[in-house]
Amino acid sequence: LGVRRSIFMMRPSLPVDALVEQQVRMFVAGFRAMLTA
């Protein structure tokens, strides 16, 4: 995400805080699913 903003100069389509929260929640859900499996 930092590379997109600071190297490629491409602004994300969502606010950074929203994107970070989305990524973290997907990670947590996936991590729990992995351990459950």
ModelCIF file with pLDDT and N, C-alpha, C, O atoms, coordinates in Angstrom:
data_MODEL
#
_entry.id   MODEL 
#
_entity.id                         1 
_entity.type                       polymer 
_entity.pdbx_number_of_molecules   1 
#
_entity_poly.entity_id                      1 
_entity_poly.type                           'polypeptide(L)' 
_entity_poly.nstd_linkage                   no 
_entity_poly.nstd_monomer                   no 
_entity_poly.pdbx_seq_one_letter_code       LGVRRSIFMMRPSLPVDALVEQQVRMFVAGFRAMLTA 
_entity_poly.pdbx_seq_one_letter_code_can   LGVRRSIFMMRPSLPVDALVEQQVRMFVAGFRAMLTA 
_entity_poly.pdbx_strand_id                 A 
#
loop_
_entity_poly_seq.entity_id 
_entity_poly_seq.num 
_entity_poly_seq.mon_id 
_entity_poly_seq.hetero 
1 1  LEU n 
1 2  GLY n 
1 3  VAL n 
1 4  ARG n 
1 5  ARG n 
1 6  SER n 
1 7  ILE n 
1 8  PHE n 
1 9  MET n 
1 10 MET n 
1 11 ARG n 
1 12 PRO n 
1 13 SER n 
1 14 LEU n 
1 15 PRO n 
1 16 VAL n 
1 17 ASP n 
1 18 ALA n 
1 19 LEU n 
1 20 VAL n 
1 21 GLU n 
1 22 GLN n 
1 23 GLN n 
1 24 VAL n 
1 25 ARG n 
1 26 MET n 
1 27 PHE n 
1 28 VAL n 
1 29 ALA n 
1 30 GLY n 
1 31 PHE n 
1 32 ARG n 
1 33 ALA n 
1 34 MET n 
1 35 LEU n 
1 36 THR n 
1 37 ALA n 
#
_struct_asym.id          A 
_struct_asym.entity_id   1 
#
loop_
_ma_qa_metric.id 
_ma_qa_metric.mode 
_ma_qa_metric.name 
_ma_qa_metric.software_group_id 
_ma_qa_metric.type 
1 global pLDDT . pLDDT 
2 local  pLDDT . pLDDT 
#
_ma_qa_metric_global.metric_id      1 
_ma_qa_metric_global.metric_value   93.51 
_ma_qa_metric_global.model_id       1 
_ma_qa_metric_global.ordinal_id     1 
#
loop_
_ma_qa_metric_local.label_asym_id 
_ma_qa_metric_local.label_comp_id 
_ma_qa_metric_local.label_seq_id 
_ma_qa_metric_local.metric_id 
_ma_qa_metric_local.metric_value 
_ma_qa_metric_local.model_id 
_ma_qa_metric_local.ordinal_id 
A LEU 1  2 93.00 1 1  
A GLY 2  2 92.00 1 2  
A VAL 3  2 94.00 1 3  
A ARG 4  2 93.00 1 4  
A ARG 5  2 91.00 1 5  
A SER 6  2 90.00 1 6  
A ILE 7  2 91.00 1 7  
A PHE 8  2 93.00 1 8  
A MET 9  2 92.00 1 9  
A MET 10 2 92.00 1 10 
A ARG 11 2 90.00 1 11 
A PRO 12 2 90.00 1 12 
A SER 13 2 90.00 1 13 
A LEU 14 2 91.00 1 14 
A PRO 15 2 92.00 1 15 
A VAL 16 2 92.00 1 16 
A ASP 17 2 93.00 1 17 
A ALA 18 2 95.00 1 18 
A LEU 19 2 94.00 1 19 
A VAL 20 2 94.00 1 20 
A GLU 21 2 96.00 1 21 
A GLN 22 2 96.00 1 22 
A GLN 23 2 96.00 1 23 
A VAL 24 2 96.00 1 24 
A ARG 25 2 97.00 1 25 
A MET 26 2 96.00 1 26 
A PHE 27 2 97.00 1 27 
A VAL 28 2 96.00 1 28 
A ALA 29 2 96.00 1 29 
A GLY 30 2 96.00 1 30 
A PHE 31 2 96.00 1 31 
A ARG 32 2 95.00 1 32 
A ALA 33 2 95.00 1 33 
A MET 34 2 94.00 1 34 
A LEU 35 2 93.00 1 35 
A THR 36 2 92.00 1 36 
A ALA 37 2 91.00 1 37 
#
loop_
_atom_site.group_PDB 
_atom_site.id 
_atom_site.type_symbol 
_atom_site.label_atom_id 
_atom_site.label_alt_id 
_atom_site.label_comp_id 
_atom_site.label_asym_id 
_atom_site.label_entity_id 
_atom_site.label_seq_id 
_atom_site.pdbx_PDB_ins_code 
_atom_site.Cartn_x 
_atom_site.Cartn_y 
_atom_site.Cartn_z 
_atom_site.occupancy 
_atom_site.B_iso_or_equiv 
_atom_site.pdbx_formal_charge 
_atom_site.auth_seq_id 
_atom_site.auth_comp_id 
_atom_site.auth_asym_id 
_atom_site.auth_atom_id 
_atom_site.pdbx_PDB_model_num 
ATOM 1   N N  . LEU A 1 1  ? 0.844   -1.193  0.000  1.00 93.00 ? 1  LEU A N  1 
ATOM 2   C CA . LEU A 1 1  ? 0.000   0.000   0.000  1.00 93.00 ? 1  LEU A CA 1 
ATOM 3   C C  . LEU A 1 1  ? 0.883   1.249   0.000  1.00 93.00 ? 1  LEU A C  1 
ATOM 4   O O  . LEU A 1 1  ? 0.584   2.226   -0.686 1.00 93.00 ? 1  LEU A O  1 
ATOM 5   N N  . GLY A 1 2  ? 1.972   1.211   0.772  1.00 92.00 ? 2  GLY A N  1 
ATOM 6   C CA . GLY A 1 2  ? 2.917   2.323   0.761  1.00 92.00 ? 2  GLY A CA 1 
ATOM 7   C C  . GLY A 1 2  ? 3.604   2.479   -0.576 1.00 92.00 ? 2  GLY A C  1 
ATOM 8   O O  . GLY A 1 2  ? 3.840   3.599   -1.029 1.00 92.00 ? 2  GLY A O  1 
ATOM 9   N N  . VAL A 1 3  ? 3.931   1.357   -1.218 1.00 94.00 ? 3  VAL A N  1 
ATOM 10  C CA . VAL A 1 3  ? 4.555   1.408   -2.545 1.00 94.00 ? 3  VAL A CA 1 
ATOM 11  C C  . VAL A 1 3  ? 3.604   2.053   -3.546 1.00 94.00 ? 3  VAL A C  1 
ATOM 12  O O  . VAL A 1 3  ? 4.018   2.898   -4.339 1.00 94.00 ? 3  VAL A O  1 
ATOM 13  N N  . ARG A 1 4  ? 2.342   1.665   -3.514 1.00 93.00 ? 4  ARG A N  1 
ATOM 14  C CA . ARG A 1 4  ? 1.359   2.266   -4.417 1.00 93.00 ? 4  ARG A CA 1 
ATOM 15  C C  . ARG A 1 4  ? 1.306   3.779   -4.247 1.00 93.00 ? 4  ARG A C  1 
ATOM 16  O O  . ARG A 1 4  ? 1.249   4.524   -5.225 1.00 93.00 ? 4  ARG A O  1 
ATOM 17  N N  . ARG A 1 5  ? 1.324   4.221   -2.993 1.00 91.00 ? 5  ARG A N  1 
ATOM 18  C CA . ARG A 1 5  ? 1.179   5.665   -2.737 1.00 91.00 ? 5  ARG A CA 1 
ATOM 19  C C  . ARG A 1 5  ? 2.464   6.445   -3.000 1.00 91.00 ? 5  ARG A C  1 
ATOM 20  O O  . ARG A 1 5  ? 2.425   7.523   -3.594 1.00 91.00 ? 5  ARG A O  1 
ATOM 21  N N  . SER A 1 6  ? 3.610   5.904   -2.559 1.00 90.00 ? 6  SER A N  1 
ATOM 22  C CA . SER A 1 6  ? 4.844   6.685   -2.547 1.00 90.00 ? 6  SER A CA 1 
ATOM 23  C C  . SER A 1 6  ? 5.800   6.380   -3.686 1.00 90.00 ? 6  SER A C  1 
ATOM 24  O O  . SER A 1 6  ? 6.690   7.181   -3.971 1.00 90.00 ? 6  SER A O  1 
ATOM 25  N N  . ILE A 1 7  ? 5.637   5.237   -4.346 1.00 91.00 ? 7  ILE A N  1 
ATOM 26  C CA . ILE A 1 7  ? 6.505   4.880   -5.471 1.00 91.00 ? 7  ILE A CA 1 
ATOM 27  C C  . ILE A 1 7  ? 5.750   5.011   -6.784 1.00 91.00 ? 7  ILE A C  1 
ATOM 28  O O  . ILE A 1 7  ? 6.227   5.662   -7.714 1.00 91.00 ? 7  ILE A O  1 
ATOM 29  N N  . PHE A 1 8  ? 4.575   4.398   -6.866 1.00 93.00 ? 8  PHE A N  1 
ATOM 30  C CA . PHE A 1 8  ? 3.787   4.442   -8.098 1.00 93.00 ? 8  PHE A CA 1 
ATOM 31  C C  . PHE A 1 8  ? 2.898   5.676   -8.182 1.00 93.00 ? 8  PHE A C  1 
ATOM 32  O O  . PHE A 1 8  ? 2.330   5.964   -9.235 1.00 93.00 ? 8  PHE A O  1 
ATOM 33  N N  . MET A 1 9  ? 2.774   6.406   -7.072 1.00 92.00 ? 9  MET A N  1 
ATOM 34  C CA . MET A 1 9  ? 1.926   7.606   -7.009 1.00 92.00 ? 9  MET A CA 1 
ATOM 35  C C  . MET A 1 9  ? 0.478   7.293   -7.392 1.00 92.00 ? 9  MET A C  1 
ATOM 36  O O  . MET A 1 9  ? -0.170  8.051   -8.114 1.00 92.00 ? 9  MET A O  1 
ATOM 37  N N  . MET A 1 10 ? -0.012  6.153   -6.886 1.00 92.00 ? 10 MET A N  1 
ATOM 38  C CA . MET A 1 10 ? -1.393  5.743   -7.135 1.00 92.00 ? 10 MET A CA 1 
ATOM 39  C C  . MET A 1 10 ? -2.171  5.806   -5.831 1.00 92.00 ? 10 MET A C  1 
ATOM 40  O O  . MET A 1 10 ? -1.845  5.108   -4.871 1.00 92.00 ? 10 MET A O  1 
ATOM 41  N N  . ARG A 1 11 ? -3.179  6.628   -5.800 1.00 90.00 ? 11 ARG A N  1 
ATOM 42  C CA . ARG A 1 11 ? -3.980  6.764   -4.601 1.00 90.00 ? 11 ARG A CA 1 
ATOM 43  C C  . ARG A 1 11 ? -4.949  5.589   -4.485 1.00 90.00 ? 11 ARG A C  1 
ATOM 44  O O  . ARG A 1 11 ? -5.604  5.230   -5.465 1.00 90.00 ? 11 ARG A O  1 
ATOM 45  N N  . PRO A 1 12 ? -5.050  4.979   -3.285 1.00 90.00 ? 12 PRO A N  1 
ATOM 46  C CA . PRO A 1 12 ? -6.012  3.887   -3.114 1.00 90.00 ? 12 PRO A CA 1 
ATOM 47  C C  . PRO A 1 12 ? -7.441  4.410   -3.218 1.00 90.00 ? 12 PRO A C  1 
ATOM 48  O O  . PRO A 1 12 ? -7.694  5.600   -3.032 1.00 90.00 ? 12 PRO A O  1 
ATOM 49  N N  . SER A 1 13 ? -8.355  3.517   -3.515 1.00 90.00 ? 13 SER A N  1 
ATOM 50  C CA . SER A 1 13 ? -9.747  3.908   -3.714 1.00 90.00 ? 13 SER A CA 1 
ATOM 51  C C  . SER A 1 13 ? -10.489 4.115   -2.398 1.00 90.00 ? 13 SER A C  1 
ATOM 52  O O  . SER A 1 13 ? -11.572 4.700   -2.388 1.00 90.00 ? 13 SER A O  1 
ATOM 53  N N  . LEU A 1 14 ? -9.926  3.644   -1.293 1.00 91.00 ? 14 LEU A N  1 
ATOM 54  C CA . LEU A 1 14 ? -10.525 3.806   0.024  1.00 91.00 ? 14 LEU A CA 1 
ATOM 55  C C  . LEU A 1 14 ? -9.547  4.542   0.935  1.00 91.00 ? 14 LEU A C  1 
ATOM 56  O O  . LEU A 1 14 ? -8.344  4.531   0.675  1.00 91.00 ? 14 LEU A O  1 
ATOM 57  N N  . PRO A 1 15 ? -10.037 5.181   1.998  1.00 92.00 ? 15 PRO A N  1 
ATOM 58  C CA . PRO A 1 15 ? -9.120  5.797   2.976  1.00 92.00 ? 15 PRO A CA 1 
ATOM 59  C C  . PRO A 1 15 ? -8.167  4.758   3.547  1.00 92.00 ? 15 PRO A C  1 
ATOM 60  O O  . PRO A 1 15 ? -8.527  3.590   3.695  1.00 92.00 ? 15 PRO A O  1 
ATOM 61  N N  . VAL A 1 16 ? -6.953  5.185   3.868  1.00 92.00 ? 16 VAL A N  1 
ATOM 62  C CA . VAL A 1 16 ? -5.936  4.256   4.348  1.00 92.00 ? 16 VAL A CA 1 
ATOM 63  C C  . VAL A 1 16 ? -6.405  3.517   5.597  1.00 92.00 ? 16 VAL A C  1 
ATOM 64  O O  . VAL A 1 16 ? -6.218  2.305   5.698  1.00 92.00 ? 16 VAL A O  1 
ATOM 65  N N  . ASP A 1 17 ? -7.007  4.220   6.546  1.00 93.00 ? 17 ASP A N  1 
ATOM 66  C CA . ASP A 1 17 ? -7.453  3.557   7.772  1.00 93.00 ? 17 ASP A CA 1 
ATOM 67  C C  . ASP A 1 17 ? -8.445  2.443   7.473  1.00 93.00 ? 17 ASP A C  1 
ATOM 68  O O  . ASP A 1 17 ? -8.396  1.379   8.092  1.00 93.00 ? 17 ASP A O  1 
ATOM 69  N N  . ALA A 1 18 ? -9.351  2.687   6.519  1.00 95.00 ? 18 ALA A N  1 
ATOM 70  C CA . ALA A 1 18 ? -10.332 1.667   6.155  1.00 95.00 ? 18 ALA A CA 1 
ATOM 71  C C  . ALA A 1 18 ? -9.657  0.470   5.498  1.00 95.00 ? 18 ALA A C  1 
ATOM 72  O O  . ALA A 1 18 ? -10.029 -0.675  5.756  1.00 95.00 ? 18 ALA A O  1 
ATOM 73  N N  . LEU A 1 19 ? -8.668  0.729   4.650  1.00 94.00 ? 19 LEU A N  1 
ATOM 74  C CA . LEU A 1 19 ? -7.952  -0.357  3.992  1.00 94.00 ? 19 LEU A CA 1 
ATOM 75  C C  . LEU A 1 19 ? -7.164  -1.193  4.994  1.00 94.00 ? 19 LEU A C  1 
ATOM 76  O O  . LEU A 1 19 ? -7.162  -2.422  4.923  1.00 94.00 ? 19 LEU A O  1 
ATOM 77  N N  . VAL A 1 20 ? -6.501  -0.524  5.922  1.00 94.00 ? 20 VAL A N  1 
ATOM 78  C CA . VAL A 1 20 ? -5.719  -1.242  6.930  1.00 94.00 ? 20 VAL A CA 1 
ATOM 79  C C  . VAL A 1 20 ? -6.644  -2.116  7.775  1.00 94.00 ? 20 VAL A C  1 
ATOM 80  O O  . VAL A 1 20 ? -6.339  -3.282  8.027  1.00 94.00 ? 20 VAL A O  1 
ATOM 81  N N  . GLU A 1 21 ? -7.765  -1.558  8.209  1.00 96.00 ? 21 GLU A N  1 
ATOM 82  C CA . GLU A 1 21 ? -8.699  -2.346  9.009  1.00 96.00 ? 21 GLU A CA 1 
ATOM 83  C C  . GLU A 1 21 ? -9.208  -3.547  8.219  1.00 96.00 ? 21 GLU A C  1 
ATOM 84  O O  . GLU A 1 21 ? -9.330  -4.646  8.759  1.00 96.00 ? 21 GLU A O  1 
ATOM 85  N N  . GLN A 1 22 ? -9.502  -3.333  6.950  1.00 96.00 ? 22 GLN A N  1 
ATOM 86  C CA . GLN A 1 22 ? -9.969  -4.434  6.106  1.00 96.00 ? 22 GLN A CA 1 
ATOM 87  C C  . GLN A 1 22 ? -8.925  -5.539  6.009  1.00 96.00 ? 22 GLN A C  1 
ATOM 88  O O  . GLN A 1 22 ? -9.251  -6.719  6.143  1.00 96.00 ? 22 GLN A O  1 
ATOM 89  N N  . GLN A 1 23 ? -7.668  -5.159  5.776  1.00 96.00 ? 23 GLN A N  1 
ATOM 90  C CA . GLN A 1 23 ? -6.605  -6.150  5.661  1.00 96.00 ? 23 GLN A CA 1 
ATOM 91  C C  . GLN A 1 23 ? -6.405  -6.912  6.958  1.00 96.00 ? 23 GLN A C  1 
ATOM 92  O O  . GLN A 1 23 ? -6.195  -8.125  6.947  1.00 96.00 ? 23 GLN A O  1 
ATOM 93  N N  . VAL A 1 24 ? -6.471  -6.197  8.081  1.00 96.00 ? 24 VAL A N  1 
ATOM 94  C CA . VAL A 1 24 ? -6.267  -6.857  9.367  1.00 96.00 ? 24 VAL A CA 1 
ATOM 95  C C  . VAL A 1 24 ? -7.398  -7.832  9.658  1.00 96.00 ? 24 VAL A C  1 
ATOM 96  O O  . VAL A 1 24 ? -7.148  -8.946  10.120 1.00 96.00 ? 24 VAL A O  1 
ATOM 97  N N  . ARG A 1 25 ? -8.620  -7.436  9.399  1.00 97.00 ? 25 ARG A N  1 
ATOM 98  C CA . ARG A 1 25 ? -9.751  -8.324  9.688  1.00 97.00 ? 25 ARG A CA 1 
ATOM 99  C C  . ARG A 1 25 ? -9.722  -9.561  8.787  1.00 97.00 ? 25 ARG A C  1 
ATOM 100 O O  . ARG A 1 25 ? -10.069 -10.656 9.227  1.00 97.00 ? 25 ARG A O  1 
ATOM 101 N N  . MET A 1 26 ? -9.314  -9.392  7.542  1.00 96.00 ? 26 MET A N  1 
ATOM 102 C CA . MET A 1 26 ? -9.181  -10.560 6.664  1.00 96.00 ? 26 MET A CA 1 
ATOM 103 C C  . MET A 1 26 ? -8.075  -11.477 7.165  1.00 96.00 ? 26 MET A C  1 
ATOM 104 O O  . MET A 1 26 ? -8.216  -12.699 7.127  1.00 96.00 ? 26 MET A O  1 
ATOM 105 N N  . PHE A 1 27 ? -6.974  -10.894 7.635  1.00 97.00 ? 27 PHE A N  1 
ATOM 106 C CA . PHE A 1 27 ? -5.886  -11.696 8.181  1.00 97.00 ? 27 PHE A CA 1 
ATOM 107 C C  . PHE A 1 27 ? -6.350  -12.484 9.401  1.00 97.00 ? 27 PHE A C  1 
ATOM 108 O O  . PHE A 1 27 ? -6.094  -13.684 9.500  1.00 97.00 ? 27 PHE A O  1 
ATOM 109 N N  . VAL A 1 28 ? -7.028  -11.818 10.325 1.00 96.00 ? 28 VAL A N  1 
ATOM 110 C CA . VAL A 1 28 ? -7.475  -12.486 11.553 1.00 96.00 ? 28 VAL A CA 1 
ATOM 111 C C  . VAL A 1 28 ? -8.430  -13.623 11.221 1.00 96.00 ? 28 VAL A C  1 
ATOM 112 O O  . VAL A 1 28 ? -8.314  -14.718 11.770 1.00 96.00 ? 28 VAL A O  1 
ATOM 113 N N  . ALA A 1 29 ? -9.374  -13.364 10.322 1.00 96.00 ? 29 ALA A N  1 
ATOM 114 C CA . ALA A 1 29 ? -10.316 -14.414 9.934  1.00 96.00 ? 29 ALA A CA 1 
ATOM 115 C C  . ALA A 1 29 ? -9.587  -15.593 9.284  1.00 96.00 ? 29 ALA A C  1 
ATOM 116 O O  . ALA A 1 29 ? -9.885  -16.749 9.586  1.00 96.00 ? 29 ALA A O  1 
ATOM 117 N N  . GLY A 1 30 ? -8.652  -15.309 8.409  1.00 96.00 ? 30 GLY A N  1 
ATOM 118 C CA . GLY A 1 30 ? -7.898  -16.367 7.746  1.00 96.00 ? 30 GLY A CA 1 
ATOM 119 C C  . GLY A 1 30 ? -7.015  -17.133 8.703  1.00 96.00 ? 30 GLY A C  1 
ATOM 120 O O  . GLY A 1 30 ? -6.883  -18.351 8.589  1.00 96.00 ? 30 GLY A O  1 
ATOM 121 N N  . PHE A 1 31 ? -6.406  -16.429 9.653  1.00 96.00 ? 31 PHE A N  1 
ATOM 122 C CA . PHE A 1 31 ? -5.531  -17.073 10.633 1.00 96.00 ? 31 PHE A CA 1 
ATOM 123 C C  . PHE A 1 31 ? -6.336  -18.041 11.492 1.00 96.00 ? 31 PHE A C  1 
ATOM 124 O O  . PHE A 1 31 ? -5.920  -19.174 11.733 1.00 96.00 ? 31 PHE A O  1 
ATOM 125 N N  . ARG A 1 32 ? -7.494  -17.573 11.947 1.00 95.00 ? 32 ARG A N  1 
ATOM 126 C CA . ARG A 1 32 ? -8.341  -18.446 12.770 1.00 95.00 ? 32 ARG A CA 1 
ATOM 127 C C  . ARG A 1 32 ? -8.816  -19.661 11.977 1.00 95.00 ? 32 ARG A C  1 
ATOM 128 O O  . ARG A 1 32 ? -8.854  -20.775 12.499 1.00 95.00 ? 32 ARG A O  1 
ATOM 129 N N  . ALA A 1 33 ? -9.176  -19.439 10.724 1.00 95.00 ? 33 ALA A N  1 
ATOM 130 C CA . ALA A 1 33 ? -9.622  -20.555 9.893  1.00 95.00 ? 33 ALA A CA 1 
ATOM 131 C C  . ALA A 1 33 ? -8.495  -21.562 9.682  1.00 95.00 ? 33 ALA A C  1 
ATOM 132 O O  . ALA A 1 33 ? -8.732  -22.770 9.677  1.00 95.00 ? 33 ALA A O  1 
ATOM 133 N N  . MET A 1 34 ? -7.274  -21.069 9.509  1.00 94.00 ? 34 MET A N  1 
ATOM 134 C CA . MET A 1 34 ? -6.132  -21.955 9.309  1.00 94.00 ? 34 MET A CA 1 
ATOM 135 C C  . MET A 1 34 ? -5.900  -22.828 10.540 1.00 94.00 ? 34 MET A C  1 
ATOM 136 O O  . MET A 1 34 ? -5.689  -24.035 10.415 1.00 94.00 ? 34 MET A O  1 
ATOM 137 N N  . LEU A 1 35 ? -5.937  -22.216 11.740 1.00 93.00 ? 35 LEU A N  1 
ATOM 138 C CA . LEU A 1 35 ? -5.710  -22.987 12.953 1.00 93.00 ? 35 LEU A CA 1 
ATOM 139 C C  . LEU A 1 35 ? -6.860  -23.959 13.214 1.00 93.00 ? 35 LEU A C  1 
ATOM 140 O O  . LEU A 1 35 ? -6.633  -25.074 13.683 1.00 93.00 ? 35 LEU A O  1 
ATOM 141 N N  . THR A 1 36 ? -8.090  -23.544 12.914 1.00 92.00 ? 36 THR A N  1 
ATOM 142 C CA . THR A 1 36 ? -9.239  -24.432 13.096 1.00 92.00 ? 36 THR A CA 1 
ATOM 143 C C  . THR A 1 36 ? -9.129  -25.654 12.192 1.00 92.00 ? 36 THR A C  1 
ATOM 144 O O  . THR A 1 36 ? -9.394  -26.778 12.618 1.00 92.00 ? 36 THR A O  1 
ATOM 145 N N  . ALA A 1 37 ? -8.735  -25.424 10.934 1.00 91.00 ? 37 ALA A N  1 
ATOM 146 C CA . ALA A 1 37 ? -8.574  -26.533 9.992  1.00 91.00 ? 37 ALA A CA 1 
ATOM 147 C C  . ALA A 1 37 ? -7.468  -27.470 10.452 1.00 91.00 ? 37 ALA A C  1 
ATOM 148 O O  . ALA A 1 37 ? -7.186  -28.466 9.785  1.00 91.00 ? 37 ALA A O  1 
#
